[in-house]
Protein backbone atom coordinates (compact mmCIF):
# COMPACT_ATOMS: atom_id res chain seq x y z
CA MET A 1 0.00 0.00 0.00
CA ARG A 2 1.33 3.43 -0.95
CA LYS A 3 2.08 5.85 1.88
CA LYS A 4 -0.39 8.75 1.98
CA ILE A 5 0.99 12.26 1.62
CA ILE A 6 -1.14 15.36 2.11
CA ALA A 7 -0.01 17.89 -0.49
CA THR A 8 -0.83 21.49 -1.32
CA GLY A 9 -0.09 23.03 -4.71
CA ILE A 10 0.45 19.74 -6.54
CA SER A 11 -1.33 20.91 -9.68
CA GLY A 12 1.35 23.55 -10.34
CA LEU A 13 4.60 23.52 -12.28
CA VAL A 14 6.63 21.66 -9.66
CA GLY A 15 3.92 19.64 -7.95
CA SER A 16 2.50 18.09 -11.09
CA ARG A 17 5.91 16.67 -12.03
CA ILE A 18 6.57 15.44 -8.49
CA THR A 19 3.32 13.45 -8.55
CA GLU A 20 4.23 11.99 -11.95
CA ILE A 21 7.60 10.77 -10.69
CA LEU A 22 6.64 9.70 -7.16
CA GLY A 23 3.03 8.67 -7.75
CA ASP A 24 3.88 4.96 -7.87
CA LYS A 25 5.42 5.16 -4.38
CA PHE A 26 3.14 7.61 -2.61
CA GLN A 27 -0.55 8.48 -2.71
CA PHE A 28 -0.81 12.26 -2.86
CA ILE A 29 -3.96 13.72 -1.33
CA SER A 30 -4.53 17.13 -2.87
CA PHE A 31 -5.45 19.99 -0.55
CA SER A 32 -6.54 22.77 -2.90
CA LEU A 33 -9.41 25.14 -3.54
CA ASP A 34 -10.66 22.64 -6.13
CA SER A 35 -10.82 19.94 -3.45
CA GLY A 36 -12.57 22.27 -1.02
CA VAL A 37 -9.53 23.29 1.04
CA ASP A 38 -8.52 26.90 1.65
CA ILE A 39 -5.20 26.91 3.51
CA THR A 40 -5.86 30.45 4.77
CA ASP A 41 -8.94 29.19 6.68
CA PHE A 42 -7.54 27.60 9.84
CA ASN A 43 -10.75 25.94 11.02
CA LEU A 44 -11.57 24.46 7.62
CA LEU A 45 -8.01 23.24 7.21
CA LYS A 46 -8.16 21.67 10.67
CA LEU A 47 -11.33 19.74 9.79
CA LYS A 48 -9.83 18.46 6.54
CA LEU A 49 -6.49 17.53 8.08
CA ALA A 50 -8.13 15.64 10.94
CA ARG A 51 -9.70 13.23 8.44
CA PHE A 52 -6.31 11.85 7.38
CA SER A 53 -4.74 10.54 10.56
CA ASP A 54 -2.89 7.91 8.50
CA ALA A 55 -1.10 10.58 6.44
CA LYS A 56 2.03 11.38 8.45
CA THR A 57 3.63 13.84 6.01
CA VAL A 58 2.48 17.15 4.52
CA LEU A 59 4.14 18.48 1.36
CA HIS A 60 3.43 22.22 1.22
CA LEU A 61 3.98 23.57 -2.28
CA ALA A 62 1.09 26.04 -2.52
CA ALA A 63 2.23 29.64 -2.79
CA PHE A 64 1.45 32.98 -4.39
CA THR A 65 4.33 33.04 -6.90
CA ASP A 66 3.46 35.88 -9.29
CA VAL A 67 6.32 38.18 -8.30
CA THR A 68 5.04 41.15 -10.31
CA ALA A 69 1.55 40.91 -8.81
CA ALA A 70 3.15 40.47 -5.38
CA PHE A 71 5.12 43.70 -5.86
CA LYS A 72 1.84 45.54 -6.42
CA GLN A 73 0.67 44.24 -3.01
CA ASN A 74 3.87 45.30 -1.24
CA GLY A 75 3.30 45.60 2.50
CA ASP A 76 -0.38 44.59 2.31
CA LYS A 77 -1.10 41.93 4.92
CA ASN A 78 -4.66 41.70 3.67
CA GLY A 79 -3.51 40.87 0.14
CA SER A 80 -3.61 37.41 -1.37
CA CYS A 81 0.19 37.11 -1.47
CA TYR A 82 0.58 37.55 2.29
CA LYS A 83 -2.48 35.45 3.11
CA VAL A 84 -1.42 32.47 1.02
CA ASN A 85 2.32 32.57 1.68
CA VAL A 86 2.37 33.58 5.34
CA VAL A 87 -1.04 32.87 6.89
CA GLY A 88 -1.49 29.65 4.92
CA SER A 89 1.97 28.39 5.88
CA ARG A 90 1.41 29.35 9.51
CA ASN A 91 -1.85 27.39 9.57
CA ILE A 92 -0.27 24.32 8.02
CA ALA A 93 2.77 24.38 10.32
CA GLN A 94 0.67 24.79 13.47
CA LEU A 95 -1.64 21.94 12.46
CA CYS A 96 1.33 19.73 11.60
CA ARG A 97 2.53 20.31 15.16
CA ASN A 98 -0.94 19.63 16.62
CA TYR A 99 -1.41 16.42 14.63
CA LYS A 100 2.25 15.34 14.79
CA LYS A 101 2.79 15.40 11.05
CA TYR A 102 6.12 15.94 9.32
CA LEU A 103 6.17 19.06 7.11
CA ILE A 104 8.13 19.50 3.88
CA HIS A 105 7.86 23.22 3.19
CA ILE A 106 8.88 24.49 -0.23
CA SER A 107 10.57 27.90 -0.18
CA THR A 108 12.60 29.96 -2.64
CA ASP A 109 15.92 31.55 -3.49
CA PHE A 110 14.10 34.90 -3.35
CA VAL A 111 14.57 34.96 0.43
CA PHE A 112 18.05 36.24 -0.52
CA GLY A 113 19.21 38.99 -2.82
CA ASP A 114 19.96 42.07 -0.76
CA LYS A 115 23.69 41.38 -0.67
CA ASN A 116 26.05 39.27 -2.75
CA PRO A 117 26.51 35.63 -1.74
CA PRO A 118 29.88 34.13 -0.84
CA ALA A 119 31.87 32.31 -3.52
CA GLY A 120 29.92 29.23 -4.56
CA GLY A 121 26.56 30.70 -3.63
CA TYR A 122 24.43 31.20 -0.54
CA ILE A 123 24.49 28.33 1.95
CA GLU A 124 21.78 27.35 4.40
CA THR A 125 23.35 29.16 7.34
CA ASP A 126 23.52 32.50 5.51
CA GLU A 127 20.98 34.95 6.90
CA PRO A 128 18.11 35.54 4.47
CA LYS A 129 17.59 39.12 3.46
CA PRO A 130 15.12 39.72 0.61
CA LEU A 131 15.43 42.79 -1.55
CA LYS A 132 13.71 45.90 -0.21
CA ASP A 133 10.11 46.06 -1.51
CA GLU A 134 10.40 42.55 -3.02
CA TRP A 135 7.18 41.31 -1.43
CA TYR A 136 7.17 37.75 -2.75
CA GLY A 137 10.59 37.03 -1.25
CA LYS A 138 9.66 38.81 1.98
CA THR A 139 6.46 36.77 2.43
CA LYS A 140 8.29 33.52 1.70
CA TYR A 141 10.90 34.39 4.33
CA LEU A 142 8.14 35.19 6.81
CA ALA A 143 6.62 31.81 5.95
CA GLU A 144 9.92 30.09 6.75
CA GLN A 145 9.95 31.83 10.12
CA GLU A 146 6.40 30.62 10.81
CA VAL A 147 7.46 27.05 10.08
CA GLU A 148 10.58 27.27 12.23
CA LYS A 149 8.78 28.64 15.29
CA SER A 150 5.73 26.36 14.99
CA GLY A 151 7.26 23.46 16.87
CA CYS A 152 6.51 20.89 14.16
CA ASP A 153 9.03 18.50 12.63
CA PHE A 154 10.01 20.09 9.33
CA THR A 155 12.30 20.35 6.37
CA ILE A 156 12.45 23.56 4.35
CA LEU A 157 13.52 23.05 0.74
CA ARG A 158 14.57 26.23 -1.03
CA ILE A 159 14.22 25.80 -4.78
CA ALA A 160 15.23 28.17 -7.61
CA PHE A 161 14.04 28.68 -11.20
CA PRO A 162 12.52 25.18 -11.52
CA TYR A 163 12.14 23.71 -15.01
CA LYS A 164 11.07 20.48 -16.69
CA ALA A 165 10.56 18.93 -20.11
CA LYS A 166 6.88 19.64 -20.69
CA PRO A 167 3.51 20.10 -18.98
CA ALA A 168 2.05 17.14 -17.10
CA LEU A 169 0.61 14.38 -19.28
CA LYS A 170 -2.65 14.66 -17.42
CA LYS A 171 -4.52 17.95 -17.55
CA LEU A 172 -3.12 19.21 -14.27
CA GLU A 173 -1.69 22.62 -15.09
CA PRO A 174 -4.00 24.41 -17.55
CA GLU A 175 -2.95 27.91 -16.49
CA VAL A 176 0.62 27.37 -15.29
CA LYS A 177 3.07 29.62 -17.10
CA LEU A 178 6.07 28.10 -18.81
CA ASP A 179 9.29 27.93 -16.86
CA LEU A 180 12.25 30.05 -18.01
CA PRO A 181 14.04 27.40 -20.15
CA ARG A 182 10.80 26.41 -21.90
CA ARG A 183 9.98 30.08 -22.60
CA ILE A 184 13.46 30.54 -24.07
CA LYS A 185 13.18 27.38 -26.17
CA GLU A 186 9.73 28.24 -27.55
CA LYS A 187 10.72 31.79 -28.49
CA LEU A 188 13.85 30.61 -30.27
CA GLU A 189 11.81 28.00 -32.13
CA LYS A 190 9.52 30.81 -33.32
CA GLY A 191 12.49 32.86 -34.51
CA MET A 192 12.03 35.55 -31.89
CA LYS A 193 14.96 37.67 -30.70
CA LEU A 194 15.79 37.42 -27.00
CA ASN A 195 17.48 40.04 -24.84
CA MET A 196 19.08 38.10 -21.99
CA PHE A 197 20.92 39.50 -18.98
CA THR A 198 24.64 38.86 -18.72
CA ASP A 199 25.06 40.56 -15.33
CA GLN A 200 22.63 38.43 -13.33
CA VAL A 201 23.32 35.03 -11.75
CA ILE A 202 20.66 32.36 -11.15
CA THR A 203 20.64 28.66 -10.21
CA PRO A 204 18.16 26.80 -12.45
CA THR A 205 16.86 23.54 -10.97
CA PHE A 206 15.63 20.44 -12.81
CA ILE A 207 12.28 19.49 -11.27
CA ASP A 208 13.05 15.77 -11.64
CA ASP A 209 15.89 16.37 -9.15
CA ILE A 210 13.53 18.20 -6.80
CA ALA A 211 11.28 15.13 -6.89
CA LYS A 212 14.22 12.93 -5.84
CA VAL A 213 14.91 15.18 -2.85
CA VAL A 214 11.23 15.24 -1.85
CA GLY A 215 11.13 11.44 -2.04
CA LYS A 216 14.21 11.18 0.17
CA CYS A 217 12.70 13.62 2.67
CA ILE A 218 9.47 11.62 2.87
CA SER A 219 11.44 8.44 3.56
CA LYS A 220 14.22 9.77 5.83
CA ARG A 221 12.51 12.80 7.45
CA PRO A 222 15.59 15.04 7.77
CA GLN A 223 15.24 18.24 9.77
CA GLY A 224 16.24 21.79 8.88
CA ILE A 225 16.86 23.79 5.71
CA PHE A 226 18.26 22.49 2.41
CA HIS A 227 19.04 24.29 -0.82
CA CYS A 228 17.39 21.98 -3.32
CA VAL A 229 18.88 23.58 -6.43
CA GLY A 230 20.88 22.71 -9.53
CA SER A 231 24.66 22.33 -9.65
CA GLU A 232 25.37 25.32 -11.86
CA ASN A 233 25.16 29.07 -11.29
CA LEU A 234 25.01 31.07 -14.51
CA SER A 235 23.55 34.11 -16.24
CA PRO A 236 20.24 34.00 -18.14
CA TYR A 237 22.27 34.77 -21.27
CA ASN A 238 24.48 31.71 -20.78
CA LEU A 239 21.39 29.62 -20.02
CA ALA A 240 19.80 30.67 -23.31
CA CYS A 241 23.00 29.82 -25.20
CA LYS A 242 23.07 26.34 -23.66
CA ILE A 243 19.45 25.77 -24.67
CA ALA A 244 20.19 26.89 -28.23
CA ASP A 245 23.19 24.54 -28.41
CA THR A 246 21.32 21.55 -27.01
CA PHE A 247 18.29 21.89 -29.30
CA ASP A 248 20.16 23.16 -32.39
CA LEU A 249 18.41 26.53 -32.35
CA ASN A 250 19.62 29.84 -33.76
CA LYS A 251 21.97 31.28 -31.16
CA SER A 252 22.31 34.55 -33.10
CA LEU A 253 18.79 35.43 -31.92
CA ILE A 254 20.13 35.73 -28.36
CA LYS A 255 21.30 39.25 -27.62
CA LYS A 256 23.31 40.41 -24.61
CA ALA A 257 21.55 42.79 -22.23
CA LYS A 258 22.26 44.18 -18.78
CA LEU A 259 19.96 44.04 -15.79
CA GLU A 260 21.52 47.29 -14.61
CA ASP A 261 20.40 49.05 -17.81
CA PHE A 262 16.94 47.52 -17.62
CA LEU A 263 16.40 48.80 -14.09
CA LYS A 264 17.53 52.30 -15.08
CA GLN A 265 15.13 52.31 -18.02
CA ASN A 266 12.23 50.98 -15.93
CA PRO A 267 12.44 52.82 -12.59
CA GLY A 268 8.94 51.79 -11.48
CA SER A 269 9.36 48.07 -12.12
CA ARG A 270 9.64 45.46 -9.40
CA PRO A 271 13.05 44.94 -7.75
CA ARG A 272 15.24 42.26 -9.29
CA GLN A 273 18.07 40.39 -7.60
CA LYS A 274 21.46 40.56 -9.28
CA ASN A 275 22.96 37.42 -7.76
CA LEU A 276 20.81 34.51 -6.58
CA SER A 277 23.43 31.76 -6.76
CA LEU A 278 22.87 29.00 -4.20
CA SER A 279 25.10 26.12 -3.11
CA ASN A 280 23.63 22.60 -2.95
CA ASP A 281 26.54 21.03 -1.05
CA LYS A 282 24.34 20.17 1.93
CA VAL A 283 21.80 18.27 -0.19
CA GLN A 284 24.57 16.28 -1.82
CA LYS A 285 26.45 15.53 1.40
CA GLU A 286 23.58 14.89 3.84
CA LEU A 287 20.92 13.47 1.51
CA GLY A 288 23.27 11.80 -0.96
CA ILE A 289 21.59 13.27 -4.05
CA LYS A 290 23.64 14.70 -6.91
CA MET A 291 21.78 17.60 -8.46
CA LEU A 292 22.35 17.96 -12.19
CA THR A 293 24.06 20.77 -14.05
CA VAL A 294 22.11 22.64 -16.74
CA ASP A 295 23.88 20.73 -19.53
CA GLU A 296 23.10 17.36 -17.92
CA ALA A 297 19.44 18.25 -17.35
CA LEU A 298 18.96 19.63 -20.86
CA GLU A 299 20.27 16.39 -22.36
CA ILE A 300 17.70 14.43 -20.30
CA ILE A 301 14.95 16.83 -21.32
CA LYS A 302 15.92 16.34 -24.95
CA THR A 303 15.31 12.59 -24.61
CA GLN A 304 12.08 13.14 -22.64
CA LEU A 305 10.70 15.36 -25.39
């Protein structure tokens, strides 16, 4: 019999792929608005959670992730971003403590960004400091704090720029936007020119690897924070060039641009982090999982497609 896992947000970009990969090992019970669960409603969530005493783990993926829309709600604790990311996470963490359930809380690299990371990227013991007025990152950091002080058994997995081969085979993500590599690939296939930043650093993460880490966490129940990210820090420009090389697309369509220039030209736009490189050494050493580089993941995606 498959172990039952209560999961929020499993119809999204990351969750839908996790259920595809781990669905033969675990039975995921979806807690979503479609299934009648509002994580911001403590009493309703309590009633729903109490029905699954045999589910000992909660995978919390649900989040307000539209960073531009979040910026427009900056500082608003009555807005949907704060309610979902902070209040919802607080409710889940407190109920995990009450019902003695293990919580796997999915967080983000956006909890960093205000200062440059050390060589090799931010590590788990570095103090989070989101960019000023970057509301998505701020609410996700507040959510982490709610989990840590709740008293429940937990693992926080910080992920970054997740990507995969294609949408779920089942109709699970009808309105989920394409991840960054898929957006790049589709635009190049259409012959569109791309202006990609050369002065920004990100850590793209293959969702199949995230699924491996989640599976290990369900089985081994480690405690604390892990950077569940890819093994390569690079600029969006270099990422686009790798995608063009892998899929034999026209690399001349990729033009160099600077984040610094973009921010000067768009003074009212949302804040953007210049360096979000993260180190995954802890995941590899303590969980024994080798996270792939961009080149390695793209080759797998090419076969999956």
